[in-house]
Amino acid sequence: METTPKPAEAPKPKSNTWKLIAIVVVILIVVGVAAYILTITPATTANIIIQDDNACGATPPDTACLFNPASFNATVNGSAVVWKNNGGVLHTVTTNATLDGSLPTINSNVGQNGGTYSYAFTAAGTYHYYCSIHPWMKGVVIAK
């Protein structure tokens, strides 16, 4: 009995599973990076810069450590005022309570270099503030 040889089978296509996985991973990375970039909060523009000489020595009071500008006009119920620390040491923005309690108090840690603090003024008045760590550093916000 004679048998006819079977025709040669066509080679099976190689599995593209790894290629497909690689493409999916690349797409997920691109989408993730794009989502991250789109959700980054834009840098806040500072109204008041906190400057220092990376030391703020207390004796005698270091005049290189200051709020710039020392006086700032704000709008009541307007945009928040932003303090940004461009110095190398920790600072605060602190107010004292008014005698009649008419103005709110502020006591915030601004942090070190690059740290920010923002405050939206809701009551008109003159807010005298200072750094509680370096009390000779003083400033004024006039909210109208």
C-alpha atoms as a PDB file:
ATOM      1  CA  MET A   1       0.000   0.000   0.000  1.00  0.00           C
ATOM      2  CA  GLU A   2       1.250   3.163  -1.089  1.00  0.00           C
ATOM      3  CA  THR A   3       0.799   6.185   1.026  1.00  0.00           C
ATOM      4  CA  THR A   4       0.845   9.611  -0.315  1.00  0.00           C
ATOM      5  CA  PRO A   5       2.942  11.984   1.556  1.00  0.00           C
ATOM      6  CA  LYS A   6       1.082  14.612   3.449  1.00  0.00           C
ATOM      7  CA  PRO A   7       1.458  18.089   2.121  1.00  0.00           C
ATOM      8  CA  ALA A   8       3.777  20.191   4.202  1.00  0.00           C
ATOM      9  CA  GLU A   9       1.929  22.090   6.835  1.00  0.00           C
ATOM     10  CA  ALA A  10       2.116  25.820   6.669  1.00  0.00           C
ATOM     11  CA  PRO A  11       4.227  27.150   9.502  1.00  0.00           C
ATOM     12  CA  LYS A  12       2.105  28.376  12.371  1.00  0.00           C
ATOM     13  CA  PRO A  13       2.353  32.085  12.875  1.00  0.00           C
ATOM     14  CA  LYS A  14       4.510  32.932  15.874  1.00  0.00           C
ATOM     15  CA  SER A  15       2.686  34.185  18.860  1.00  0.00           C
ATOM     16  CA  ASN A  16       2.561  37.987  19.046  1.00  0.00           C
ATOM     17  CA  THR A  17       1.663  37.906  22.709  1.00  0.00           C
ATOM     18  CA  TRP A  18       4.910  39.537  23.860  1.00  0.00           C
ATOM     19  CA  LYS A  19       4.641  42.251  21.223  1.00  0.00           C
ATOM     20  CA  LEU A  20       1.065  42.954  22.264  1.00  0.00           C
ATOM     21  CA  ILE A  21       2.049  43.116  25.945  1.00  0.00           C
ATOM     22  CA  ALA A  22       4.889  45.522  25.132  1.00  0.00           C
ATOM     23  CA  ILE A  23       2.567  47.791  23.131  1.00  0.00           C
ATOM     24  CA  VAL A  24      -0.004  47.836  25.946  1.00  0.00           C
ATOM     25  CA  VAL A  25       2.689  48.667  28.517  1.00  0.00           C
ATOM     26  CA  VAL A  26       4.024  51.531  26.369  1.00  0.00           C
ATOM     27  CA  ILE A  27       0.497  52.912  25.891  1.00  0.00           C
ATOM     28  CA  LEU A  28      -0.179  52.733  29.638  1.00  0.00           C
ATOM     29  CA  ILE A  29       3.082  54.560  30.401  1.00  0.00           C
ATOM     30  CA  VAL A  30       2.326  57.304  27.860  1.00  0.00           C
ATOM     31  CA  VAL A  31      -1.222  57.753  29.177  1.00  0.00           C
ATOM     32  CA  GLY A  32       0.026  57.780  32.788  1.00  0.00           C
ATOM     33  CA  VAL A  33       2.700  60.386  32.100  1.00  0.00           C
ATOM     34  CA  ALA A  34       0.216  62.549  30.169  1.00  0.00           C
ATOM     35  CA  ALA A  35      -2.316  62.349  33.016  1.00  0.00           C
ATOM     36  CA  TYR A  36       0.368  63.300  35.537  1.00  0.00           C
ATOM     37  CA  ILE A  37       1.471  66.310  33.484  1.00  0.00           C
ATOM     38  CA  LEU A  38      -2.107  67.484  33.012  1.00  0.00           C
ATOM     39  CA  THR A  39      -2.875  67.290  36.735  1.00  0.00           C
ATOM     40  CA  ILE A  40       0.221  69.119  37.991  1.00  0.00           C
ATOM     41  CA  THR A  41      -0.788  72.320  39.754  1.00  0.00           C
ATOM     42  CA  PRO A  42       0.858  75.254  38.030  1.00  0.00           C
ATOM     43  CA  ALA A  43       3.443  77.133  40.021  1.00  0.00           C
ATOM     44  CA  THR A  44       1.888  79.783  42.187  1.00  0.00           C
ATOM     45  CA  THR A  45       3.017  83.330  41.658  1.00  0.00           C
ATOM     46  CA  ALA A  46       4.203  84.725  44.952  1.00  0.00           C
ATOM     47  CA  ASN A  47       3.111  88.176  46.069  1.00  0.00           C
ATOM     48  CA  ILE A  48       5.597  88.319  48.943  1.00  0.00           C
ATOM     49  CA  ILE A  49       9.039  86.721  48.831  1.00  0.00           C
ATOM     50  CA  ILE A  50      10.749  85.598  52.024  1.00  0.00           C
ATOM     51  CA  GLN A  51      14.480  86.173  51.720  1.00  0.00           C
ATOM     52  CA  ASP A  52      17.321  85.133  53.982  1.00  0.00           C
ATOM     53  CA  ASP A  53      21.059  84.567  53.981  1.00  0.00           C
ATOM     54  CA  ASN A  54      20.697  80.846  54.859  1.00  0.00           C
ATOM     55  CA  ALA A  55      21.359  81.619  58.511  1.00  0.00           C
ATOM     56  CA  CYS A  56      19.142  84.377  59.961  1.00  0.00           C
ATOM     57  CA  GLY A  57      21.395  84.785  62.949  1.00  0.00           C
ATOM     58  CA  ALA A  58      19.486  86.238  65.888  1.00  0.00           C
ATOM     59  CA  THR A  59      22.276  88.344  67.359  1.00  0.00           C
ATOM     60  CA  PRO A  60      22.251  91.013  66.113  1.00  0.00           C
ATOM     61  CA  PRO A  61      19.050  90.661  64.049  1.00  0.00           C
ATOM     62  CA  ASP A  62      20.085  89.629  60.559  1.00  0.00           C
ATOM     63  CA  THR A  63      18.892  92.331  58.162  1.00  0.00           C
ATOM     64  CA  ALA A  64      19.333  89.953  55.209  1.00  0.00           C
ATOM     65  CA  CYS A  65      16.258  88.065  56.451  1.00  0.00           C
ATOM     66  CA  LEU A  66      13.109  89.886  55.350  1.00  0.00           C
ATOM     67  CA  PHE A  67       9.720  89.914  53.650  1.00  0.00           C
ATOM     68  CA  ASN A  68       9.830  91.577  50.213  1.00  0.00           C
ATOM     69  CA  PRO A  69       7.874  93.758  49.787  1.00  0.00           C
ATOM     70  CA  ALA A  70       7.456  94.690  53.436  1.00  0.00           C
ATOM     71  CA  SER A  71       4.026  96.189  52.672  1.00  0.00           C
ATOM     72  CA  PHE A  72       1.433  94.684  50.326  1.00  0.00           C
ATOM     73  CA  ASN A  73      -2.112  95.720  49.357  1.00  0.00           C
ATOM     74  CA  ALA A  74      -4.685  92.926  49.104  1.00  0.00           C
ATOM     75  CA  THR A  75      -8.317  92.820  48.034  1.00  0.00           C
ATOM     76  CA  VAL A  76     -10.895  91.533  50.504  1.00  0.00           C
ATOM     77  CA  ASN A  77     -12.526  88.392  49.074  1.00  0.00           C
ATOM     78  CA  GLY A  78     -10.098  88.603  46.147  1.00  0.00           C
ATOM     79  CA  SER A  79      -7.176  86.440  45.165  1.00  0.00           C
ATOM     80  CA  ALA A  80      -5.179  84.904  47.983  1.00  0.00           C
ATOM     81  CA  VAL A  81      -1.899  86.515  48.947  1.00  0.00           C
ATOM     82  CA  VAL A  82       0.988  84.072  48.498  1.00  0.00           C
ATOM     83  CA  TRP A  83       4.193  84.112  50.533  1.00  0.00           C
ATOM     84  CA  LYS A  84       7.082  82.103  49.086  1.00  0.00           C
ATOM     85  CA  ASN A  85      10.257  81.219  50.952  1.00  0.00           C
ATOM     86  CA  ASN A  86      13.254  81.734  48.674  1.00  0.00           C
ATOM     87  CA  GLY A  87      15.616  81.419  51.619  1.00  0.00           C
ATOM     88  CA  GLY A  88      17.363  78.451  53.111  1.00  0.00           C
ATOM     89  CA  VAL A  89      15.841  78.335  56.594  1.00  0.00           C
ATOM     90  CA  LEU A  90      12.385  77.731  58.041  1.00  0.00           C
ATOM     91  CA  HIS A  91      10.010  80.726  58.339  1.00  0.00           C
ATOM     92  CA  THR A  92       6.422  81.447  59.405  1.00  0.00           C
ATOM     93  CA  VAL A  93       3.735  84.008  58.671  1.00  0.00           C
ATOM     94  CA  THR A  94       2.206  84.970  62.016  1.00  0.00           C
ATOM     95  CA  THR A  95      -0.202  87.681  63.186  1.00  0.00           C
ATOM     96  CA  ASN A  96      -1.315  88.562  66.676  1.00  0.00           C
ATOM     97  CA  ALA A  97      -4.971  88.722  67.622  1.00  0.00           C
ATOM     98  CA  THR A  98      -6.451  92.208  67.578  1.00  0.00           C
ATOM     99  CA  LEU A  99      -7.717  93.546  70.886  1.00  0.00           C
ATOM    100  CA  ASP A 100     -11.327  93.586  69.723  1.00  0.00           C
ATOM    101  CA  GLY A 101     -11.019  90.304  67.787  1.00  0.00           C
ATOM    102  CA  SER A 102     -12.051  92.012  64.556  1.00  0.00           C
ATOM    103  CA  LEU A 103      -9.266  90.464  62.448  1.00  0.00           C
ATOM    104  CA  PRO A 104      -8.468  86.776  62.150  1.00  0.00           C
ATOM    105  CA  THR A 105      -5.095  85.515  63.285  1.00  0.00           C
ATOM    106  CA  ILE A 106      -2.647  83.737  61.025  1.00  0.00           C
ATOM    107  CA  ASN A 107      -0.017  81.296  62.179  1.00  0.00           C
ATOM    108  CA  SER A 108       1.401  79.273  59.350  1.00  0.00           C
ATOM    109  CA  ASN A 109       4.628  77.439  58.719  1.00  0.00           C
ATOM    110  CA  VAL A 110       5.890  78.466  55.268  1.00  0.00           C
ATOM    111  CA  GLY A 111       8.591  75.839  55.269  1.00  0.00           C
ATOM    112  CA  GLN A 112      12.052  76.038  53.809  1.00  0.00           C
ATOM    113  CA  ASN A 113      13.294  76.955  50.358  1.00  0.00           C
ATOM    114  CA  GLY A 114      10.425  76.855  47.888  1.00  0.00           C
ATOM    115  CA  GLY A 115       7.720  76.537  50.545  1.00  0.00           C
ATOM    116  CA  THR A 116       4.608  78.651  50.117  1.00  0.00           C
ATOM    117  CA  TYR A 117       1.652  79.806  52.170  1.00  0.00           C
ATOM    118  CA  SER A 118      -1.455  81.506  50.829  1.00  0.00           C
ATOM    119  CA  TYR A 119      -4.201  83.366  52.622  1.00  0.00           C
ATOM    120  CA  ALA A 120      -7.384  84.903  51.211  1.00  0.00           C
ATOM    121  CA  PHE A 121      -8.330  87.970  53.247  1.00  0.00           C
ATOM    122  CA  THR A 122     -12.033  88.126  54.112  1.00  0.00           C
ATOM    123  CA  ALA A 123     -11.975  91.121  56.458  1.00  0.00           C
ATOM    124  CA  ALA A 124     -10.695  94.598  55.675  1.00  0.00           C
ATOM    125  CA  GLY A 125      -7.903  95.863  57.878  1.00  0.00           C
ATOM    126  CA  THR A 126      -4.197  96.253  58.392  1.00  0.00           C
ATOM    127  CA  TYR A 127      -2.534  92.953  59.164  1.00  0.00           C
ATOM    128  CA  HIS A 128       0.872  93.281  60.812  1.00  0.00           C
ATOM    129  CA  TYR A 129       2.704  89.990  60.550  1.00  0.00           C
ATOM    130  CA  TYR A 130       6.108  88.575  61.436  1.00  0.00           C
ATOM    131  CA  CYS A 131       8.127  85.371  61.403  1.00  0.00           C
ATOM    132  CA  SER A 132       7.725  83.696  64.804  1.00  0.00           C
ATOM    133  CA  ILE A 133      11.162  82.091  64.423  1.00  0.00           C
ATOM    134  CA  HIS A 134      12.853  85.388  63.467  1.00  0.00           C
ATOM    135  CA  PRO A 135      10.657  88.057  65.136  1.00  0.00           C
ATOM    136  CA  TRP A 136      12.573  91.000  63.632  1.00  0.00           C
ATOM    137  CA  MET A 137      11.221  89.947  60.211  1.00  0.00           C
ATOM    138  CA  LYS A 138       8.038  92.011  59.862  1.00  0.00           C
ATOM    139  CA  GLY A 139       5.563  92.901  57.162  1.00  0.00           C
ATOM    140  CA  VAL A 140       2.146  94.449  56.620  1.00  0.00           C
ATOM    141  CA  VAL A 141      -0.795  93.452  54.422  1.00  0.00           C
ATOM    142  CA  ILE A 142      -3.451  96.124  53.950  1.00  0.00           C
ATOM    143  CA  ALA A 143      -6.701  94.414  52.932  1.00  0.00           C
ATOM    144  CA  LYS A 144      -9.309  96.699  51.331  1.00  0.00           C
END
